[in-house]
Amino acid sequence: MIIYKYPLVITDTQTVHLPYNAKILTAQMQGEDLRLWALVDELENLSQPVKIAIYGTGNPIEGDAGTYISTVQLQGGGLIFHVFEKAVSDLL
């Protein structure tokens, strides 16, 4: 097993391709960039799509928010975003 990081964009939803059985650990800012860290099997060659949703504090959330990953702060705490993993069925 190994921990890898993946770039995220601050947008409502996006799809990240992670190795099968990856375990998402956290999402945090690294400098000016949002990153997602996951524990993965470095020998796994197949990937699966994972839907990531990012909600700003005070913004409405329609339906199921998903599984909470982390909260991140930008601009010295002036902007706060909450990162969630959405169900695979929400990809359809």
PDB file of N, CA and C in Angstrom:
ATOM      1  N   MET A   1       0.851  -1.180   0.000  1.00  0.00           N
ATOM      2  CA  MET A   1       0.000   0.000   0.000  1.00  0.00           C
ATOM      3  C   MET A   1       0.891   1.235   0.000  1.00  0.00           C
ATOM      4  N   ILE A   2       0.329   2.308  -0.543  1.00  0.00           N
ATOM      5  CA  ILE A   2       1.057   3.570  -0.628  1.00  0.00           C
ATOM      6  C   ILE A   2       0.034   4.705  -0.644  1.00  0.00           C
ATOM      7  N   ILE A   3       0.425   5.881  -0.202  1.00  0.00           N
ATOM      8  CA  ILE A   3      -0.459   7.042  -0.250  1.00  0.00           C
ATOM      9  C   ILE A   3      -0.075   7.896  -1.449  1.00  0.00           C
ATOM     10  N   TYR A   4      -1.063   8.184  -2.298  1.00  0.00           N
ATOM     11  CA  TYR A   4      -0.871   9.065  -3.444  1.00  0.00           C
ATOM     12  C   TYR A   4      -1.762  10.287  -3.278  1.00  0.00           C
ATOM     13  N   LYS A   5      -1.377  11.363  -3.956  1.00  0.00           N
ATOM     14  CA  LYS A   5      -2.230  12.553  -3.967  1.00  0.00           C
ATOM     15  C   LYS A   5      -2.729  12.786  -5.386  1.00  0.00           C
ATOM     16  N   TYR A   6      -3.904  13.398  -5.451  1.00  0.00           N
ATOM     17  CA  TYR A   6      -4.576  13.656  -6.714  1.00  0.00           C
ATOM     18  C   TYR A   6      -5.046  15.101  -6.727  1.00  0.00           C
ATOM     19  N   PRO A   7      -4.898  15.785  -7.854  1.00  0.00           N
ATOM     20  CA  PRO A   7      -5.362  17.181  -7.921  1.00  0.00           C
ATOM     21  C   PRO A   7      -6.883  17.254  -7.988  1.00  0.00           C
ATOM     22  N   LEU A   8      -7.434  18.249  -7.321  1.00  0.00           N
ATOM     23  CA  LEU A   8      -8.851  18.561  -7.420  1.00  0.00           C
ATOM     24  C   LEU A   8      -8.996  19.999  -7.885  1.00  0.00           C
ATOM     25  N   VAL A   9     -10.118  20.278  -8.504  1.00  0.00           N
ATOM     26  CA  VAL A   9     -10.467  21.634  -8.925  1.00  0.00           C
ATOM     27  C   VAL A   9     -11.593  22.095  -8.014  1.00  0.00           C
ATOM     28  N   ILE A  10     -11.586  23.351  -7.632  1.00  0.00           N
ATOM     29  CA  ILE A  10     -12.677  23.860  -6.808  1.00  0.00           C
ATOM     30  C   ILE A  10     -13.837  24.173  -7.739  1.00  0.00           C
ATOM     31  N   THR A  11     -14.724  23.181  -7.860  1.00  0.00           N
ATOM     32  CA  THR A  11     -15.911  23.246  -8.693  1.00  0.00           C
ATOM     33  C   THR A  11     -16.984  22.395  -8.030  1.00  0.00           C
ATOM     34  N   ASP A  12     -18.231  22.506  -8.474  1.00  0.00           N
ATOM     35  CA  ASP A  12     -19.330  21.787  -7.816  1.00  0.00           C
ATOM     36  C   ASP A  12     -19.100  20.281  -7.768  1.00  0.00           C
ATOM     37  N   THR A  13     -18.858  19.663  -8.933  1.00  0.00           N
ATOM     38  CA  THR A  13     -18.610  18.219  -8.982  1.00  0.00           C
ATOM     39  C   THR A  13     -17.531  17.912 -10.003  1.00  0.00           C
ATOM     40  N   GLN A  14     -16.850  16.816  -9.778  1.00  0.00           N
ATOM     41  CA  GLN A  14     -15.823  16.345 -10.696  1.00  0.00           C
ATOM     42  C   GLN A  14     -15.622  14.851 -10.486  1.00  0.00           C
ATOM     43  N   THR A  15     -15.021  14.216 -11.463  1.00  0.00           N
ATOM     44  CA  THR A  15     -14.725  12.793 -11.368  1.00  0.00           C
ATOM     45  C   THR A  15     -13.216  12.606 -11.323  1.00  0.00           C
ATOM     46  N   VAL A  16     -12.775  11.833 -10.340  1.00  0.00           N
ATOM     47  CA  VAL A  16     -11.364  11.482 -10.187  1.00  0.00           C
ATOM     48  C   VAL A  16     -11.261   9.986 -10.379  1.00  0.00           C
ATOM     49  N   HIS A  17     -10.265   9.531 -11.103  1.00  0.00           N
ATOM     50  CA  HIS A  17     -10.074   8.096 -11.309  1.00  0.00           C
ATOM     51  C   HIS A  17      -9.050   7.589 -10.309  1.00  0.00           C
ATOM     52  N   LEU A  18      -9.522   6.735  -9.392  1.00  0.00           N
ATOM     53  CA  LEU A  18      -8.675   6.164  -8.360  1.00  0.00           C
ATOM     54  C   LEU A  18      -8.574   4.658  -8.558  1.00  0.00           C
ATOM     55  N   PRO A  19      -7.466   4.049  -8.146  1.00  0.00           N
ATOM     56  CA  PRO A  19      -7.372   2.585  -8.227  1.00  0.00           C
ATOM     57  C   PRO A  19      -8.512   1.937  -7.430  1.00  0.00           C
ATOM     58  N   TYR A  20      -8.939   0.751  -7.872  1.00  0.00           N
ATOM     59  CA  TYR A  20      -9.963   0.013  -7.150  1.00  0.00           C
ATOM     60  C   TYR A  20      -9.533  -0.170  -5.702  1.00  0.00           C
ATOM     61  N   ASN A  21     -10.490  -0.118  -4.804  1.00  0.00           N
ATOM     62  CA  ASN A  21     -10.279  -0.300  -3.366  1.00  0.00           C
ATOM     63  C   ASN A  21      -9.438   0.806  -2.733  1.00  0.00           C
ATOM     64  N   ALA A  22      -9.288   1.943  -3.396  1.00  0.00           N
ATOM     65  CA  ALA A  22      -8.580   3.075  -2.797  1.00  0.00           C
ATOM     66  C   ALA A  22      -9.397   3.573  -1.604  1.00  0.00           C
ATOM     67  N   LYS A  23      -8.700   4.007  -0.577  1.00  0.00           N
ATOM     68  CA  LYS A  23      -9.363   4.569   0.601  1.00  0.00           C
ATOM     69  C   LYS A  23      -9.011   6.050   0.667  1.00  0.00           C
ATOM     70  N   ILE A  24     -10.008   6.905   0.466  1.00  0.00           N
ATOM     71  CA  ILE A  24      -9.777   8.348   0.539  1.00  0.00           C
ATOM     72  C   ILE A  24      -9.474   8.715   1.979  1.00  0.00           C
ATOM     73  N   LEU A  25      -8.388   9.456   2.164  1.00  0.00           N
ATOM     74  CA  LEU A  25      -7.961   9.849   3.499  1.00  0.00           C
ATOM     75  C   LEU A  25      -8.389  11.270   3.855  1.00  0.00           C
ATOM     76  N   THR A  26      -8.125  12.229   2.953  1.00  0.00           N
ATOM     77  CA  THR A  26      -8.432  13.626   3.235  1.00  0.00           C
ATOM     78  C   THR A  26      -8.320  14.442   1.955  1.00  0.00           C
ATOM     79  N   ALA A  27      -8.806  15.655   2.027  1.00  0.00           N
ATOM     80  CA  ALA A  27      -8.582  16.662   0.989  1.00  0.00           C
ATOM     81  C   ALA A  27      -8.121  17.911   1.724  1.00  0.00           C
ATOM     82  N   GLN A  28      -7.074  18.538   1.220  1.00  0.00           N
ATOM     83  CA  GLN A  28      -6.522  19.725   1.858  1.00  0.00           C
ATOM     84  C   GLN A  28      -5.893  20.611   0.801  1.00  0.00           C
ATOM     85  N   MET A  29      -5.667  21.843   1.201  1.00  0.00           N
ATOM     86  CA  MET A  29      -4.920  22.750   0.341  1.00  0.00           C
ATOM     87  C   MET A  29      -3.433  22.439   0.493  1.00  0.00           C
ATOM     88  N   GLN A  30      -2.724  22.429  -0.615  1.00  0.00           N
ATOM     89  CA  GLN A  30      -1.272  22.319  -0.621  1.00  0.00           C
ATOM     90  C   GLN A  30      -0.784  23.548  -1.380  1.00  0.00           C
ATOM     91  N   GLY A  31      -0.357  24.539  -0.633  1.00  0.00           N
ATOM     92  CA  GLY A  31      -0.061  25.820  -1.254  1.00  0.00           C
ATOM     93  C   GLY A  31      -1.364  26.424  -1.739  1.00  0.00           C
ATOM     94  N   GLU A  32      -1.441  26.709  -3.033  1.00  0.00           N
ATOM     95  CA  GLU A  32      -2.648  27.293  -3.624  1.00  0.00           C
ATOM     96  C   GLU A  32      -3.530  26.249  -4.304  1.00  0.00           C
ATOM     97  N   ASP A  33      -3.180  24.971  -4.185  1.00  0.00           N
ATOM     98  CA  ASP A  33      -3.876  23.911  -4.911  1.00  0.00           C
ATOM     99  C   ASP A  33      -4.610  22.965  -3.976  1.00  0.00           C
ATOM    100  N   LEU A  34      -5.801  22.540  -4.388  1.00  0.00           N
ATOM    101  CA  LEU A  34      -6.569  21.568  -3.636  1.00  0.00           C
ATOM    102  C   LEU A  34      -6.136  20.167  -4.056  1.00  0.00           C
ATOM    103  N   ARG A  35      -5.862  19.324  -3.076  1.00  0.00           N
ATOM    104  CA  ARG A  35      -5.400  17.954  -3.326  1.00  0.00           C
ATOM    105  C   ARG A  35      -6.231  16.969  -2.521  1.00  0.00           C
ATOM    106  N   LEU A  36      -6.324  15.746  -3.048  1.00  0.00           N
ATOM    107  CA  LEU A  36      -6.982  14.637  -2.383  1.00  0.00           C
ATOM    108  C   LEU A  36      -5.928  13.566  -2.147  1.00  0.00           C
ATOM    109  N   TRP A  37      -5.860  13.031  -0.937  1.00  0.00           N
ATOM    110  CA  TRP A  37      -4.920  11.953  -0.634  1.00  0.00           C
ATOM    111  C   TRP A  37      -5.702  10.668  -0.436  1.00  0.00           C
ATOM    112  N   ALA A  38      -5.151   9.566  -0.976  1.00  0.00           N
ATOM    113  CA  ALA A  38      -5.811   8.267  -0.860  1.00  0.00           C
ATOM    114  C   ALA A  38      -4.775   7.175  -0.642  1.00  0.00           C
ATOM    115  N   LEU A  39      -5.153   6.191   0.146  1.00  0.00           N
ATOM    116  CA  LEU A  39      -4.339   5.003   0.364  1.00  0.00           C
ATOM    117  C   LEU A  39      -4.694   4.014  -0.738  1.00  0.00           C
ATOM    118  N   VAL A  40      -3.711   3.631  -1.534  1.00  0.00           N
ATOM    119  CA  VAL A  40      -3.975   2.778  -2.696  1.00  0.00           C
ATOM    120  C   VAL A  40      -3.016   1.594  -2.723  1.00  0.00           C
ATOM    121  N   ASP A  41      -3.434   0.573  -3.437  1.00  0.00           N
ATOM    122  CA  ASP A  41      -2.568  -0.573  -3.716  1.00  0.00           C
ATOM    123  C   ASP A  41      -1.769  -0.216  -4.960  1.00  0.00           C
ATOM    124  N   GLU A  42      -0.465  -0.004  -4.794  1.00  0.00           N
ATOM    125  CA  GLU A  42       0.366   0.448  -5.922  1.00  0.00           C
ATOM    126  C   GLU A  42       0.450  -0.578  -7.041  1.00  0.00           C
ATOM    127  N   LEU A  43       0.012  -1.808  -6.795  1.00  0.00           N
ATOM    128  CA  LEU A  43       0.041  -2.841  -7.833  1.00  0.00           C
ATOM    129  C   LEU A  43      -1.267  -2.919  -8.619  1.00  0.00           C
ATOM    130  N   GLU A  44      -2.270  -2.175  -8.183  1.00  0.00           N
ATOM    131  CA  GLU A  44      -3.570  -2.186  -8.854  1.00  0.00           C
ATOM    132  C   GLU A  44      -3.494  -1.355 -10.124  1.00  0.00           C
ATOM    133  N   ASN A  45      -3.771  -1.997 -11.260  1.00  0.00           N
ATOM    134  CA  ASN A  45      -3.684  -1.323 -12.558  1.00  0.00           C
ATOM    135  C   ASN A  45      -5.024  -0.777 -13.040  1.00  0.00           C
ATOM    136  N   LEU A  46      -6.111  -1.234 -12.448  1.00  0.00           N
ATOM    137  CA  LEU A  46      -7.430  -0.792 -12.878  1.00  0.00           C
ATOM    138  C   LEU A  46      -7.907   0.342 -11.993  1.00  0.00           C
ATOM    139  N   SER A  47      -8.619   1.280 -12.602  1.00  0.00           N
ATOM    140  CA  SER A  47      -9.139   2.404 -11.832  1.00  0.00           C
ATOM    141  C   SER A  47     -10.658   2.455 -11.934  1.00  0.00           C
ATOM    142  N   GLN A  48     -11.235   3.224 -11.043  1.00  0.00           N
ATOM    143  CA  GLN A  48     -12.678   3.423 -11.056  1.00  0.00           C
ATOM    144  C   GLN A  48     -12.970   4.909 -10.906  1.00  0.00           C
ATOM    145  N   PRO A  49     -14.052   5.373 -11.484  1.00  0.00           N
ATOM    146  CA  PRO A  49     -14.401   6.784 -11.317  1.00  0.00           C
ATOM    147  C   PRO A  49     -14.972   7.031  -9.932  1.00  0.00           C
ATOM    148  N   VAL A  50     -14.539   8.107  -9.322  1.00  0.00           N
ATOM    149  CA  VAL A  50     -15.046   8.534  -8.021  1.00  0.00           C
ATOM    150  C   VAL A  50     -15.542   9.958  -8.185  1.00  0.00           C
ATOM    151  N   LYS A  51     -16.789  10.187  -7.830  1.00  0.00           N
ATOM    152  CA  LYS A  51     -17.375  11.517  -7.971  1.00  0.00           C
ATOM    153  C   LYS A  51     -17.131  12.312  -6.692  1.00  0.00           C
ATOM    154  N   ILE A  52     -16.569  13.492  -6.851  1.00  0.00           N
ATOM    155  CA  ILE A  52     -16.279  14.389  -5.737  1.00  0.00           C
ATOM    156  C   ILE A  52     -17.166  15.625  -5.872  1.00  0.00           C
ATOM    157  N   ALA A  53     -17.827  15.995  -4.774  1.00  0.00           N
ATOM    158  CA  ALA A  53     -18.653  17.198  -4.736  1.00  0.00           C
ATOM    159  C   ALA A  53     -18.033  18.173  -3.737  1.00  0.00           C
ATOM    160  N   ILE A  54     -18.047  19.443  -4.081  1.00  0.00           N
ATOM    161  CA  ILE A  54     -17.508  20.477  -3.207  1.00  0.00           C
ATOM    162  C   ILE A  54     -18.604  21.520  -2.981  1.00  0.00           C
ATOM    163  N   TYR A  55     -18.906  21.754  -1.702  1.00  0.00           N
ATOM    164  CA  TYR A  55     -19.962  22.683  -1.322  1.00  0.00           C
ATOM    165  C   TYR A  55     -19.370  23.838  -0.523  1.00  0.00           C
ATOM    166  N   GLY A  56     -19.746  25.034  -0.872  1.00  0.00           N
ATOM    167  CA  GLY A  56     -19.352  26.198  -0.088  1.00  0.00           C
ATOM    168  C   GLY A  56     -20.262  26.342   1.118  1.00  0.00           C
ATOM    169  N   THR A  57     -19.725  26.855   2.204  1.00  0.00           N
ATOM    170  CA  THR A  57     -20.535  27.097   3.396  1.00  0.00           C
ATOM    171  C   THR A  57     -21.696  28.023   3.040  1.00  0.00           C
ATOM    172  N   GLY A  58     -22.892  27.638   3.449  1.00  0.00           N
ATOM    173  CA  GLY A  58     -24.083  28.445   3.207  1.00  0.00           C
ATOM    174  C   GLY A  58     -24.750  28.182   1.875  1.00  0.00           C
ATOM    175  N   ASN A  59     -24.126  27.376   1.009  1.00  0.00           N
ATOM    176  CA  ASN A  59     -24.737  27.067  -0.284  1.00  0.00           C
ATOM    177  C   ASN A  59     -25.690  25.885  -0.144  1.00  0.00           C
ATOM    178  N   PRO A  60     -26.811  25.891  -0.882  1.00  0.00           N
ATOM    179  CA  PRO A  60     -27.765  24.782  -0.785  1.00  0.00           C
ATOM    180  C   PRO A  60     -27.183  23.485  -1.354  1.00  0.00           C
ATOM    181  N   ILE A  61     -27.605  22.367  -0.762  1.00  0.00           N
ATOM    182  CA  ILE A  61     -27.199  21.037  -1.217  1.00  0.00           C
ATOM    183  C   ILE A  61     -28.467  20.293  -1.597  1.00  0.00           C
ATOM    184  N   GLU A  62     -28.545  19.872  -2.850  1.00  0.00           N
ATOM    185  CA  GLU A  62     -29.717  19.127  -3.315  1.00  0.00           C
ATOM    186  C   GLU A  62     -29.471  17.638  -3.150  1.00  0.00           C
ATOM    187  N   GLY A  63     -30.445  16.923  -2.595  1.00  0.00           N
ATOM    188  CA  GLY A  63     -30.326  15.480  -2.424  1.00  0.00           C
ATOM    189  C   GLY A  63     -29.288  15.121  -1.373  1.00  0.00           C
ATOM    190  N   ASP A  64     -28.747  13.923  -1.510  1.00  0.00           N
ATOM    191  CA  ASP A  64     -27.757  13.410  -0.565  1.00  0.00           C
ATOM    192  C   ASP A  64     -26.412  14.092  -0.793  1.00  0.00           C
ATOM    193  N   ALA A  65     -25.846  14.664   0.245  1.00  0.00           N
ATOM    194  CA  ALA A  65     -24.561  15.365   0.122  1.00  0.00           C
ATOM    195  C   ALA A  65     -23.433  14.408  -0.237  1.00  0.00           C
ATOM    196  N   GLY A  66     -23.519  13.165   0.220  1.00  0.00           N
ATOM    197  CA  GLY A  66     -22.443  12.203   0.010  1.00  0.00           C
ATOM    198  C   GLY A  66     -21.721  11.925   1.322  1.00  0.00           C
ATOM    199  N   THR A  67     -20.563  11.301   1.219  1.00  0.00           N
ATOM    200  CA  THR A  67     -19.748  10.962   2.384  1.00  0.00           C
ATOM    201  C   THR A  67     -18.707  12.046   2.605  1.00  0.00           C
ATOM    202  N   TYR A  68     -18.709  12.620   3.770  1.00  0.00           N
ATOM    203  CA  TYR A  68     -17.802  13.718   4.098  1.00  0.00           C
ATOM    204  C   TYR A  68     -16.345  13.265   4.034  1.00  0.00           C
ATOM    205  N   ILE A  69     -15.502  14.105   3.405  1.00  0.00           N
ATOM    206  CA  ILE A  69     -14.058  13.853   3.341  1.00  0.00           C
ATOM    207  C   ILE A  69     -13.317  14.861   4.195  1.00  0.00           C
ATOM    208  N   SER A  70     -13.557  16.156   3.965  1.00  0.00           N
ATOM    209  CA  SER A  70     -12.777  17.178   4.657  1.00  0.00           C
ATOM    210  C   SER A  70     -13.363  18.563   4.405  1.00  0.00           C
ATOM    211  N   THR A  71     -12.916  19.514   5.219  1.00  0.00           N
ATOM    212  CA  THR A  71     -13.224  20.931   5.027  1.00  0.00           C
ATOM    213  C   THR A  71     -11.917  21.650   4.738  1.00  0.00           C
ATOM    214  N   VAL A  72     -11.938  22.544   3.748  1.00  0.00           N
ATOM    215  CA  VAL A  72     -10.726  23.272   3.379  1.00  0.00           C
ATOM    216  C   VAL A  72     -11.008  24.771   3.411  1.00  0.00           C
ATOM    217  N   GLN A  73      -9.956  25.521   3.725  1.00  0.00           N
ATOM    218  CA  GLN A  73     -10.064  26.969   3.802  1.00  0.00           C
ATOM    219  C   GLN A  73      -9.155  27.616   2.770  1.00  0.00           C
ATOM    220  N   LEU A  74      -9.664  28.642   2.112  1.00  0.00           N
ATOM    221  CA  LEU A  74      -8.892  29.425   1.157  1.00  0.00           C
ATOM    222  C   LEU A  74      -8.890  30.878   1.606  1.00  0.00           C
ATOM    223  N   GLN A  75      -7.989  31.638   1.069  1.00  0.00           N
ATOM    224  CA  GLN A  75      -7.895  33.072   1.327  1.00  0.00           C
ATOM    225  C   GLN A  75      -7.900  33.366   2.824  1.00  0.00           C
ATOM    226  N   GLY A  76      -7.035  32.652   3.538  1.00  0.00           N
ATOM    227  CA  GLY A  76      -6.906  32.881   4.973  1.00  0.00           C
ATOM    228  C   GLY A  76      -8.178  32.613   5.758  1.00  0.00           C
ATOM    229  N   GLY A  77      -9.003  31.710   5.277  1.00  0.00           N
ATOM    230  CA  GLY A  77     -10.253  31.384   5.954  1.00  0.00           C
ATOM    231  C   GLY A  77     -11.439  32.184   5.456  1.00  0.00           C
ATOM    232  N   GLY A  78     -11.225  33.024   4.452  1.00  0.00           N
ATOM    233  CA  GLY A  78     -12.313  33.815   3.890  1.00  0.00           C
ATOM    234  C   GLY A  78     -13.300  32.992   3.086  1.00  0.00           C
ATOM    235  N   LEU A  79     -12.834  31.903   2.523  1.00  0.00           N
ATOM    236  CA  LEU A  79     -13.680  30.976   1.768  1.00  0.00           C
ATOM    237  C   LEU A  79     -13.524  29.587   2.387  1.00  0.00           C
ATOM    238  N   ILE A  80     -14.645  28.950   2.688  1.00  0.00           N
ATOM    239  CA  ILE A  80     -14.630  27.621   3.288  1.00  0.00           C
ATOM    240  C   ILE A  80     -15.408  26.681   2.373  1.00  0.00           C
ATOM    241  N   PHE A  81     -14.792  25.550   2.029  1.00  0.00           N
ATOM    242  CA  PHE A  81     -15.430  24.536   1.195  1.00  0.00           C
ATOM    243  C   PHE A  81     -15.405  23.191   1.905  1.00  0.00           C
ATOM    244  N   HIS A  82     -16.417  22.381   1.615  1.00  0.00           N
ATOM    245  CA  HIS A  82     -16.571  21.075   2.238  1.00  0.00           C
ATOM    246  C   HIS A  82     -16.574  20.030   1.123  1.00  0.00           C
ATOM    247  N   VAL A  83     -15.694  19.053   1.234  1.00  0.00           N
ATOM    248  CA  VAL A  83     -15.456  18.069   0.176  1.00  0.00           C
ATOM    249  C   VAL A  83     -16.132  16.752   0.560  1.00  0.00           C
ATOM    250  N   PHE A  84     -16.913  16.203  -0.378  1.00  0.00           N
ATOM    251  CA  PHE A  84     -17.662  14.969  -0.163  1.00  0.00           C
ATOM    252  C   PHE A  84     -17.429  14.001  -1.330  1.00  0.00           C
ATOM    253  N   GLU A  85     -17.515  12.714  -1.031  1.00  0.00           N
ATOM    254  CA  GLU A  85     -17.539  11.680  -2.080  1.00  0.00           C
ATOM    255  C   GLU A  85     -18.996  11.304  -2.313  1.00  0.00           C
ATOM    256  N   LYS A  86     -19.416  11.380  -3.568  1.00  0.00           N
ATOM    257  CA  LYS A  86     -20.789  11.042  -3.927  1.00  0.00           C
ATOM    258  C   LYS A  86     -20.874   9.558  -4.275  1.00  0.00           C
ATOM    259  N   ALA A  87     -22.058   9.007  -4.161  1.00  0.00           N
ATOM    260  CA  ALA A  87     -22.296   7.597  -4.502  1.00  0.00           C
ATOM    261  C   ALA A  87     -22.059   7.376  -5.989  1.00  0.00           C
ATOM    262  N   VAL A  88     -21.583   6.194  -6.329  1.00  0.00           N
ATOM    263  CA  VAL A  88     -21.333   5.847  -7.732  1.00  0.00           C
ATOM    264  C   VAL A  88     -22.605   5.982  -8.549  1.00  0.00           C
ATOM    265  N   SER A  89     -23.750   5.681  -7.950  1.00  0.00           N
ATOM    266  CA  SER A  89     -25.024   5.783  -8.680  1.00  0.00           C
ATOM    267  C   SER A  89     -25.312   7.217  -9.105  1.00  0.00           C
ATOM    268  N   ASP A  90     -24.704   8.197  -8.419  1.00  0.00           N
ATOM    269  CA  ASP A  90     -24.892   9.599  -8.789  1.00  0.00           C
ATOM    270  C   ASP A  90     -24.119   9.964 -10.053  1.00  0.00           C
ATOM    271  N   LEU A  91     -23.287   9.063 -10.558  1.00  0.00           N
ATOM    272  CA  LEU A  91     -22.552   9.321 -11.788  1.00  0.00           C
ATOM    273  C   LEU A  91     -23.439   9.208 -13.000  1.00  0.00           C
ATOM    274  N   LEU A  92     -24.556   8.507 -12.868  1.00  0.00           N
ATOM    275  CA  LEU A  92     -25.427   8.263 -14.012  1.00  0.00           C
ATOM    276  C   LEU A  92     -26.256   9.467 -14.358  1.00  0.00           C
TER     277      LEU A  92
END
